[in-house]
Amino acid sequence: MRYKVSIKAAGIAALLLLAGQGAMAQVKQLSLAQAMELSLQNSKQLKLSNAKVEEAVANTREMWNNHLPDVKVTGTYMRLNNPDVSLKMKTSSSSTGGGEEQGAVKVNQVAYGIANASLPLFSGFRIKYGVESARYLEQAARLDGESEKEEVIQNAVAAYSNLYKAHIAVSLVKENLNAQKQRVADFSNLERNGVMARNDLLKAQLQQSNIELSLLDAENNLAVTTANMDLMLGLDDNTRLVPDSLGYLKLEDAGTLLQWEQTALHNRKDVASLSYREKAAYSAIKATKGEYYPGIALTGGLIAADIPDLLTVTNAFNAGLGLSYNIGSLWKTGAKVDAAKARLHQVQATEGMMGDQVRIQVSQAYHNYLLSVRKISVYERAVEQATENYRITKNKYDNSLSTTTDLLDADTARLQAQLNFATSKADATTAYKRLQQVAGVLK
């Protein structure tokens, strides 16, 4: 007796706990557009992409700063250990050409400072083409970010599709379970009145158990899908998401494969990114060839020194032109140019591969969308056929012309057809979004 009471108490406590959790959970109506927007706002992948763009911008600014002058200032103060310093100079009285040797000078400290400035005037176009290459790479990084943005959106679309399918599965299975419970209740009454064999009742009860297991799986799948969606969208873990089916399940015109291929070649961000990387590689070759030329710079400086009791230098300004040339570049630069050309060839080969890959991706996505649309029509007919089959089997069963097994099988086939039809619409929407992604027009 105590055991039964404790079981009831535990059950009541569990129900209260679940009710409390349900009360704490927030319910949010979620449209596909909202899911896409939230995924962009909370994507860690895009944050990494933005960091790469910032790095490319900083690299461009760093290369441009090579136009600016370099200014170096050095200062030194030294203590000496009383060295012997003998200064030999001619005095003003040495008219006969002879000189007098000065006495030894004691020097125990030295201080001097030097400031040099250098402004490049010509560097063999290394600065010009270096900046040009950095700007092309910056544009490529931005386009890579746009491409990753489309990938994030497509992931959100796929997750939203899974959420919708999980919701519809729970709804349909619950509806079928309620009908099955009513059938079991009816069969139980018939079995008690001796009208139905117990074996038929057990078949109905077994089917109810199987549907309950299916409902548990569907609810678990919905919970996992919702948790993943909450994490992706940056929502609270207890948020229950309800998808908007009205604005989600829309079929679009497929167009032609040629149209989609042309759209992809003109709008794919990764294709445009490779084009900029090719331009950057060309500029890098020109910048490397600049090492064959000398560098010319405008230079200037200031020197100040103080050696007590010996020497003081102030206002020692200097200015002029500086010419520098590394003769070793005549036989070293060729290898660098060859390496830069090899990198260009790699980019060009990648471009060729990308063109083929784009056509393959567009073709696959296009035919997958056509297949998804056709499946909707097939599944729609299947629902009609399964519904009619269940109606006929039910009539036969009511007239003792069909068995309980036939009736239960017809009911199961109808449920499966309904699930297939409902999920096929979501699959078609996801397939169309994938087609837009590979064409570079997903927004």
Protein backbone atom coordinates (compact mmCIF):
# COMPACT_ATOMS: atom_id res chain seq x y z
CA MET A 1 0.00 0.00 0.00
CA ARG A 2 2.78 2.38 0.94
CA TYR A 3 4.52 1.45 -2.28
CA LYS A 4 1.51 2.48 -4.35
CA VAL A 5 1.19 5.75 -2.44
CA SER A 6 4.86 6.56 -3.01
CA ILE A 7 4.50 5.88 -6.74
CA LYS A 8 1.53 8.23 -6.93
CA ALA A 9 3.40 10.90 -4.98
CA ALA A 10 6.42 10.58 -7.28
CA GLY A 11 4.18 10.83 -10.32
CA ILE A 12 2.48 13.95 -9.00
CA ALA A 13 5.86 15.54 -8.23
CA ALA A 14 7.12 14.77 -11.73
CA LEU A 15 4.01 16.30 -13.29
CA LEU A 16 4.41 19.43 -11.16
CA LEU A 17 8.08 19.68 -12.20
CA LEU A 18 7.22 19.35 -15.87
CA ALA A 19 4.43 21.85 -15.48
CA GLY A 20 6.86 24.28 -13.85
CA GLN A 21 9.36 23.83 -16.66
CA GLY A 22 6.61 24.33 -19.20
CA ALA A 23 5.57 27.53 -17.44
CA MET A 24 9.14 28.83 -17.51
CA ALA A 25 9.58 28.05 -21.20
CA GLN A 26 9.00 30.93 -23.60
CA VAL A 27 6.99 30.31 -26.73
CA LYS A 28 8.15 32.18 -29.81
CA GLN A 29 6.45 32.27 -33.18
CA LEU A 30 9.29 32.09 -35.66
CA SER A 31 9.19 32.85 -39.37
CA LEU A 32 11.86 31.83 -41.83
CA ALA A 33 12.92 35.45 -42.33
CA GLN A 34 13.38 35.90 -38.58
CA ALA A 35 15.41 32.71 -38.37
CA MET A 36 17.70 33.88 -41.17
CA GLU A 37 18.17 37.30 -39.55
CA LEU A 38 18.92 35.91 -36.09
CA SER A 39 21.35 33.36 -37.52
CA LEU A 40 23.33 36.16 -39.17
CA GLN A 41 23.40 38.18 -35.97
CA ASN A 42 24.65 35.31 -33.81
CA SER A 43 26.86 33.33 -36.18
CA LYS A 44 30.34 32.71 -34.80
CA GLN A 45 31.43 31.76 -38.30
CA LEU A 46 30.60 35.28 -39.52
CA LYS A 47 32.45 36.82 -36.60
CA LEU A 48 35.55 34.93 -37.71
CA SER A 49 34.93 36.06 -41.29
CA ASN A 50 34.62 39.68 -40.16
CA ALA A 51 37.91 39.36 -38.30
CA LYS A 52 39.57 38.19 -41.52
CA VAL A 53 38.17 41.21 -43.36
CA GLU A 54 39.50 43.52 -40.64
CA GLU A 55 42.91 41.87 -41.01
CA ALA A 56 42.83 42.45 -44.79
CA VAL A 57 41.86 46.11 -44.27
CA ALA A 58 44.71 46.57 -41.81
CA ASN A 59 47.13 44.92 -44.26
CA THR A 60 46.07 47.36 -46.99
CA ARG A 61 46.62 50.29 -44.66
CA GLU A 62 50.00 48.86 -43.67
CA MET A 63 51.09 48.62 -47.31
CA TRP A 64 49.89 52.16 -48.06
CA ASN A 65 51.87 53.46 -45.09
CA ASN A 66 55.03 52.62 -47.02
CA HIS A 67 54.44 55.92 -48.85
CA LEU A 68 55.00 57.78 -45.58
CA PRO A 69 58.46 58.85 -44.39
CA ASP A 70 60.46 56.83 -41.89
CA VAL A 71 61.77 58.85 -38.97
CA LYS A 72 64.30 57.34 -36.59
CA VAL A 73 65.64 58.99 -33.46
CA THR A 74 68.48 57.54 -31.42
CA GLY A 75 70.17 58.92 -28.33
CA THR A 76 73.07 57.62 -26.29
CA TYR A 77 74.64 58.57 -22.99
CA MET A 78 77.82 56.81 -21.86
CA ARG A 79 80.05 56.99 -18.82
CA LEU A 80 83.75 56.43 -19.50
CA ASN A 81 86.58 55.20 -17.27
CA ASN A 82 88.78 58.30 -17.61
CA PRO A 83 90.47 57.37 -20.89
CA ASP A 84 93.60 59.15 -22.04
CA VAL A 85 92.53 61.59 -24.73
CA SER A 86 95.24 63.53 -26.53
CA LEU A 87 93.92 66.21 -28.88
CA LYS A 88 96.34 67.46 -31.49
CA MET A 89 95.41 70.76 -33.11
CA LYS A 90 97.22 73.68 -34.66
CA THR A 91 97.09 76.89 -32.60
CA SER A 92 96.57 80.33 -34.11
CA SER A 93 100.21 81.29 -33.38
CA SER A 94 101.62 78.57 -35.60
CA SER A 95 102.35 80.96 -38.48
CA THR A 96 105.47 79.12 -39.40
CA GLY A 97 103.48 76.00 -40.13
CA GLY A 98 104.43 74.17 -36.98
CA GLY A 99 101.90 73.02 -34.41
CA GLU A 100 101.71 72.74 -30.68
CA GLU A 101 100.35 69.66 -29.06
CA GLN A 102 97.49 70.30 -26.66
CA GLY A 103 97.58 68.82 -23.21
CA ALA A 104 95.70 65.62 -22.34
CA VAL A 105 91.95 66.07 -21.87
CA LYS A 106 90.00 64.13 -19.29
CA VAL A 107 86.75 62.73 -20.68
CA ASN A 108 84.43 60.74 -18.44
CA GLN A 109 81.07 60.99 -20.26
CA VAL A 110 79.70 61.24 -23.77
CA ALA A 111 76.14 62.11 -24.97
CA TYR A 112 74.91 62.34 -28.52
CA GLY A 113 71.65 62.12 -30.47
CA ILE A 114 70.81 61.47 -34.12
CA ALA A 115 67.52 62.00 -35.97
CA ASN A 116 67.13 60.67 -39.51
CA ALA A 117 64.18 60.95 -41.88
CA SER A 118 63.74 59.18 -45.21
CA LEU A 119 60.92 59.67 -47.71
CA PRO A 120 60.81 57.12 -50.58
CA LEU A 121 60.65 58.76 -54.02
CA PHE A 122 61.06 55.65 -56.16
CA SER A 123 61.13 52.02 -55.10
CA GLY A 124 60.85 50.18 -58.38
CA PHE A 125 57.03 50.30 -58.10
CA ARG A 126 57.18 47.85 -55.19
CA ILE A 127 55.06 50.14 -53.01
CA LYS A 128 52.53 50.92 -55.75
CA TYR A 129 51.88 47.32 -56.72
CA GLY A 130 52.10 46.13 -53.13
CA VAL A 131 49.23 48.44 -52.21
CA GLU A 132 47.32 47.37 -55.32
CA SER A 133 47.71 43.69 -54.44
CA ALA A 134 46.61 44.30 -50.84
CA ARG A 135 43.47 46.11 -52.02
CA TYR A 136 42.54 43.22 -54.30
CA LEU A 137 43.01 40.78 -51.43
CA GLU A 138 40.85 43.00 -49.23
CA GLN A 139 38.04 42.82 -51.80
CA ALA A 140 38.48 39.06 -52.00
CA ALA A 141 38.18 38.78 -48.21
CA ARG A 142 34.96 40.81 -48.26
CA LEU A 143 33.51 38.56 -50.96
CA ASP A 144 34.54 35.47 -49.01
CA GLY A 145 32.59 36.93 -46.08
CA GLU A 146 29.52 37.38 -48.28
CA SER A 147 29.83 33.78 -49.46
CA GLU A 148 30.01 32.53 -45.88
CA LYS A 149 26.97 34.68 -45.05
CA GLU A 150 24.99 32.75 -47.66
CA GLU A 151 26.21 29.49 -46.14
CA VAL A 152 25.00 30.60 -42.70
CA ILE A 153 21.61 31.49 -44.18
CA GLN A 154 21.34 28.09 -45.87
CA ASN A 155 22.17 26.37 -42.58
CA ALA A 156 19.39 28.37 -40.93
CA VAL A 157 16.98 27.32 -43.70
CA ALA A 158 17.88 23.65 -43.23
CA ALA A 159 17.49 23.93 -39.45
CA TYR A 160 14.13 25.67 -39.88
CA SER A 161 13.01 22.90 -42.21
CA ASN A 162 13.93 20.29 -39.59
CA LEU A 163 12.03 22.28 -36.97
CA TYR A 164 8.93 22.43 -39.16
CA LYS A 165 9.08 18.73 -39.97
CA ALA A 166 9.51 17.85 -36.29
CA HIS A 167 6.48 19.97 -35.36
CA ILE A 168 4.28 18.50 -38.08
CA ALA A 169 5.35 14.97 -37.16
CA VAL A 170 4.36 15.49 -33.51
CA SER A 171 1.04 16.98 -34.56
CA LEU A 172 0.11 14.18 -36.98
CA VAL A 173 1.24 11.38 -34.66
CA LYS A 174 -0.72 12.90 -31.76
CA GLU A 175 -3.81 13.10 -33.93
CA ASN A 176 -3.38 9.51 -35.01
CA LEU A 177 -2.78 8.41 -31.41
CA ASN A 178 -6.01 10.02 -30.25
CA ALA A 179 -7.90 8.17 -32.98
CA GLN A 180 -6.18 4.94 -32.02
CA LYS A 181 -7.06 5.41 -28.34
CA GLN A 182 -10.69 5.83 -29.32
CA ARG A 183 -10.48 2.68 -31.44
CA VAL A 184 -8.98 0.72 -28.52
CA ALA A 185 -11.78 1.98 -26.26
CA ASP A 186 -14.39 0.87 -28.80
CA PHE A 187 -12.74 -2.51 -29.24
CA SER A 188 -12.56 -2.95 -25.47
CA ASN A 189 -16.32 -2.47 -25.22
CA LEU A 190 -16.88 -4.97 -28.02
CA GLU A 191 -14.53 -7.47 -26.41
CA ARG A 192 -16.29 -7.16 -23.04
CA ASN A 193 -19.63 -7.76 -24.75
CA GLY A 194 -18.25 -10.86 -26.48
CA VAL A 195 -18.62 -9.36 -29.94
CA MET A 196 -14.87 -9.17 -30.67
CA ALA A 197 -12.10 -11.66 -30.14
CA ARG A 198 -9.47 -10.66 -27.61
CA ASN A 199 -6.77 -11.20 -30.23
CA ASP A 200 -8.17 -8.31 -32.31
CA LEU A 201 -8.21 -6.06 -29.23
CA LEU A 202 -4.59 -6.93 -28.53
CA LYS A 203 -3.67 -6.00 -32.10
CA ALA A 204 -5.25 -2.57 -31.63
CA GLN A 205 -3.52 -2.11 -28.27
CA LEU A 206 -0.20 -3.12 -29.80
CA GLN A 207 -0.66 -0.56 -32.54
CA GLN A 208 -1.44 2.08 -29.91
CA SER A 209 1.80 1.22 -28.12
CA ASN A 210 3.73 1.51 -31.36
CA ILE A 211 2.19 4.91 -32.06
CA GLU A 212 3.05 6.05 -28.52
CA LEU A 213 6.65 5.04 -29.16
CA SER A 214 6.59 6.96 -32.43
CA LEU A 215 5.27 9.99 -30.56
CA LEU A 216 8.08 9.75 -28.02
CA ASP A 217 10.62 9.67 -30.84
CA ALA A 218 8.93 12.61 -32.57
CA GLU A 219 8.83 14.67 -29.37
CA ASN A 220 12.47 13.86 -28.63
CA ASN A 221 13.43 14.88 -32.15
CA LEU A 222 11.49 18.12 -31.71
CA ALA A 223 13.25 18.85 -28.41
CA VAL A 224 16.70 18.27 -29.91
CA THR A 225 15.87 20.29 -33.02
CA THR A 226 14.53 23.16 -30.91
CA ALA A 227 17.62 23.15 -28.70
CA ASN A 228 19.90 23.29 -31.73
CA MET A 229 17.81 26.07 -33.23
CA ASP A 230 17.90 28.09 -30.00
CA LEU A 231 21.67 27.77 -29.90
CA MET A 232 22.02 28.78 -33.55
CA LEU A 233 19.79 31.83 -33.15
CA GLY A 234 21.22 32.95 -29.81
CA LEU A 235 17.92 32.42 -27.96
CA ASP A 236 17.33 31.23 -24.43
CA ASP A 237 17.57 27.48 -23.99
CA ASN A 238 13.99 27.27 -22.71
CA THR A 239 12.50 28.99 -25.76
CA ARG A 240 9.92 26.84 -27.54
CA LEU A 241 9.85 27.67 -31.23
CA VAL A 242 6.71 27.44 -33.33
CA PRO A 243 7.40 27.66 -37.09
CA ASP A 244 5.21 29.76 -39.37
CA SER A 245 3.99 27.39 -42.06
CA LEU A 246 1.92 29.99 -43.94
CA GLY A 247 4.86 32.07 -45.11
CA TYR A 248 7.26 29.16 -45.35
CA LEU A 249 5.76 26.60 -47.70
CA LYS A 250 5.88 28.41 -51.03
CA LEU A 251 6.78 26.82 -54.34
CA GLU A 252 8.74 28.95 -56.81
CA ASP A 253 9.11 28.70 -60.56
CA ALA A 254 12.12 26.54 -61.40
CA GLY A 255 13.13 28.43 -64.56
CA THR A 256 15.75 26.83 -66.78
CA LEU A 257 19.09 25.30 -65.95
CA LEU A 258 20.91 27.67 -68.32
CA GLN A 259 19.43 30.69 -66.56
CA TRP A 260 20.61 29.45 -63.20
CA GLU A 261 24.10 28.71 -64.51
CA GLN A 262 24.43 32.22 -65.94
CA THR A 263 23.13 33.68 -62.70
CA ALA A 264 25.67 31.69 -60.71
CA LEU A 265 28.63 32.75 -62.86
CA HIS A 266 27.65 36.41 -62.46
CA ASN A 267 26.65 36.38 -58.79
CA ARG A 268 28.74 33.76 -56.98
CA LYS A 269 30.84 35.58 -54.41
CA ASP A 270 33.52 32.89 -54.32
CA VAL A 271 33.94 33.15 -58.11
CA ALA A 272 34.35 36.93 -57.85
CA SER A 273 36.75 36.44 -54.94
CA LEU A 274 39.01 34.26 -57.10
CA SER A 275 38.95 36.94 -59.79
CA TYR A 276 40.29 39.48 -57.29
CA ARG A 277 42.89 37.04 -56.07
CA GLU A 278 44.08 36.60 -59.65
CA LYS A 279 44.45 40.37 -59.99
CA ALA A 280 46.32 40.43 -56.68
CA ALA A 281 48.68 37.74 -57.98
CA TYR A 282 49.42 39.81 -61.11
CA SER A 283 50.18 42.84 -58.94
CA ALA A 284 52.39 40.72 -56.70
CA ILE A 285 54.47 39.71 -59.74
CA LYS A 286 54.95 43.37 -60.71
CA ALA A 287 55.88 44.25 -57.14
CA THR A 288 58.45 41.44 -57.05
CA LYS A 289 59.99 42.57 -60.35
CA GLY A 290 60.47 45.98 -58.74
CA GLU A 291 63.41 44.53 -56.83
CA TYR A 292 65.41 44.74 -60.05
CA TYR A 293 65.37 48.54 -59.73
CA PRO A 294 67.21 50.78 -57.29
CA GLY A 295 65.51 52.75 -54.57
CA ILE A 296 65.68 56.54 -54.35
CA ALA A 297 64.71 58.45 -51.22
CA LEU A 298 64.81 62.00 -49.91
CA THR A 299 66.82 62.00 -46.70
CA GLY A 300 67.43 64.45 -43.91
CA GLY A 301 68.72 64.44 -40.38
CA LEU A 302 69.98 66.23 -37.33
CA ILE A 303 73.00 65.44 -35.15
CA ALA A 304 73.75 66.73 -31.67
CA ALA A 305 76.66 65.74 -29.43
CA ASP A 306 78.19 66.82 -26.14
CA ILE A 307 81.54 65.74 -24.73
CA PRO A 308 82.30 67.95 -21.69
CA ASP A 309 85.51 69.96 -21.91
CA LEU A 310 86.12 68.59 -25.41
CA LEU A 311 83.34 68.90 -28.01
CA THR A 312 79.81 70.26 -28.44
CA VAL A 313 77.85 69.88 -31.70
CA THR A 314 74.45 71.58 -32.29
CA ASN A 315 72.30 72.50 -35.30
CA ALA A 316 74.06 69.95 -37.52
CA PHE A 317 71.31 69.55 -40.10
CA ASN A 318 71.74 67.52 -43.27
CA ALA A 319 69.57 66.82 -46.31
CA GLY A 320 70.01 65.10 -49.65
CA LEU A 321 69.07 62.25 -51.94
CA GLY A 322 69.84 58.64 -51.14
CA LEU A 323 70.33 55.87 -53.68
CA SER A 324 70.35 52.23 -52.70
CA TYR A 325 70.67 49.14 -54.85
CA ASN A 326 71.18 45.54 -53.88
CA ILE A 327 73.33 44.07 -56.65
CA GLY A 328 72.43 40.58 -55.42
CA SER A 329 68.86 41.20 -56.63
CA LEU A 330 70.12 40.66 -60.19
CA TRP A 331 70.45 36.91 -59.57
CA LYS A 332 68.07 36.50 -56.60
CA THR A 333 64.92 38.22 -57.82
CA GLY A 334 64.32 35.78 -60.66
CA ALA A 335 63.43 32.98 -58.24
CA LYS A 336 61.04 35.26 -56.39
CA VAL A 337 59.33 36.23 -59.65
CA ASP A 338 58.97 32.56 -60.62
CA ALA A 339 57.39 31.82 -57.22
CA ALA A 340 54.93 34.69 -57.70
CA LYS A 341 54.04 33.39 -61.18
CA ALA A 342 53.48 29.92 -59.74
CA ARG A 343 51.02 31.37 -57.23
CA LEU A 344 49.22 33.06 -60.12
CA HIS A 345 49.00 29.75 -61.97
CA GLN A 346 47.53 28.13 -58.86
CA VAL A 347 44.81 30.78 -58.70
CA GLN A 348 44.06 30.39 -62.40
CA ALA A 349 43.81 26.61 -62.07
CA THR A 350 41.49 27.04 -59.08
CA GLU A 351 39.33 29.37 -61.17
CA GLY A 352 38.98 26.73 -63.85
CA MET A 353 38.04 24.11 -61.28
CA MET A 354 35.61 26.53 -59.65
CA GLY A 355 33.82 27.08 -62.96
CA ASP A 356 33.24 23.34 -63.35
CA GLN A 357 32.23 23.01 -59.71
CA VAL A 358 29.69 25.81 -60.01
CA ARG A 359 28.02 24.15 -63.00
CA ILE A 360 27.90 20.80 -61.19
CA GLN A 361 26.45 22.36 -58.03
CA VAL A 362 23.84 24.33 -59.96
CA SER A 363 22.84 21.26 -61.98
CA GLN A 364 22.47 19.11 -58.86
CA ALA A 365 20.51 21.76 -56.97
CA TYR A 366 18.26 22.46 -59.95
CA HIS A 367 17.36 18.82 -60.54
CA ASN A 368 16.93 18.22 -56.81
CA TYR A 369 14.39 21.04 -56.70
CA LEU A 370 12.53 19.64 -59.70
CA LEU A 371 12.51 16.24 -58.01
CA SER A 372 11.18 17.74 -54.77
CA VAL A 373 8.34 19.46 -56.62
CA ARG A 374 7.42 16.27 -58.41
CA LYS A 375 7.48 14.34 -55.13
CA ILE A 376 4.88 16.74 -53.72
CA SER A 377 2.45 15.79 -56.46
CA VAL A 378 3.16 12.09 -55.94
CA TYR A 379 2.77 12.30 -52.16
CA GLU A 380 -0.43 14.31 -52.57
CA ARG A 381 -1.91 11.52 -54.68
CA ALA A 382 -0.60 9.01 -52.14
CA VAL A 383 -2.52 10.79 -49.38
CA GLU A 384 -5.70 10.67 -51.44
CA GLN A 385 -5.14 6.99 -52.22
CA ALA A 386 -4.30 6.09 -48.61
CA THR A 387 -7.34 8.00 -47.32
CA GLU A 388 -9.65 6.29 -49.81
CA ASN A 389 -8.06 2.92 -49.04
CA TYR A 390 -8.69 3.45 -45.33
CA ARG A 391 -12.30 4.47 -46.02
CA ILE A 392 -12.95 1.36 -48.10
CA THR A 393 -11.18 -0.93 -45.63
CA LYS A 394 -13.17 0.63 -42.77
CA ASN A 395 -16.43 -0.01 -44.62
CA LYS A 396 -15.41 -3.60 -45.29
CA TYR A 397 -14.41 -4.03 -41.65
CA ASP A 398 -17.75 -2.66 -40.46
CA ASN A 399 -19.44 -5.21 -42.73
CA SER A 400 -17.16 -8.05 -41.56
CA LEU A 401 -15.50 -8.25 -44.98
CA SER A 402 -12.04 -7.24 -43.76
CA THR A 403 -9.85 -8.15 -40.80
CA THR A 404 -8.61 -5.98 -37.98
CA THR A 405 -5.09 -6.33 -39.35
CA ASP A 406 -6.20 -4.88 -42.68
CA LEU A 407 -7.82 -1.94 -40.92
CA LEU A 408 -4.74 -1.20 -38.80
CA ASP A 409 -2.42 -1.51 -41.78
CA ALA A 410 -4.58 0.91 -43.79
CA ASP A 411 -4.48 3.38 -40.89
CA THR A 412 -0.68 3.13 -40.67
CA ALA A 413 -0.33 3.65 -44.42
CA ARG A 414 -2.53 6.75 -44.23
CA LEU A 415 -0.41 8.25 -41.42
CA GLN A 416 2.81 7.59 -43.32
CA ALA A 417 1.38 9.19 -46.47
CA GLN A 418 0.36 12.27 -44.50
CA LEU A 419 3.85 12.57 -42.98
CA ASN A 420 5.52 12.19 -46.38
CA PHE A 421 3.27 14.82 -47.95
CA ALA A 422 3.82 17.32 -45.14
CA THR A 423 7.60 16.95 -45.11
CA SER A 424 7.89 17.01 -48.91
CA LYS A 425 6.78 20.66 -48.95
CA ALA A 426 9.52 21.59 -46.50
CA ASP A 427 12.08 19.63 -48.52
CA ALA A 428 11.05 21.51 -51.68
CA THR A 429 11.48 24.88 -49.96
CA THR A 430 14.91 23.86 -48.68
CA ALA A 431 15.89 22.61 -52.14
CA TYR A 432 14.93 25.95 -53.73
CA LYS A 433 16.94 27.88 -51.14
CA ARG A 434 19.90 25.62 -51.89
CA LEU A 435 19.47 26.42 -55.58
CA GLN A 436 19.54 30.13 -54.74
CA GLN A 437 22.66 29.62 -52.63
CA VAL A 438 24.67 27.88 -55.36
CA ALA A 439 23.51 30.60 -57.77
CA GLY A 440 24.75 33.31 -55.41
CA VAL A 441 21.37 35.02 -54.93
CA LEU A 442 20.32 33.72 -51.50
CA LYS A 443 19.33 36.56 -49.20
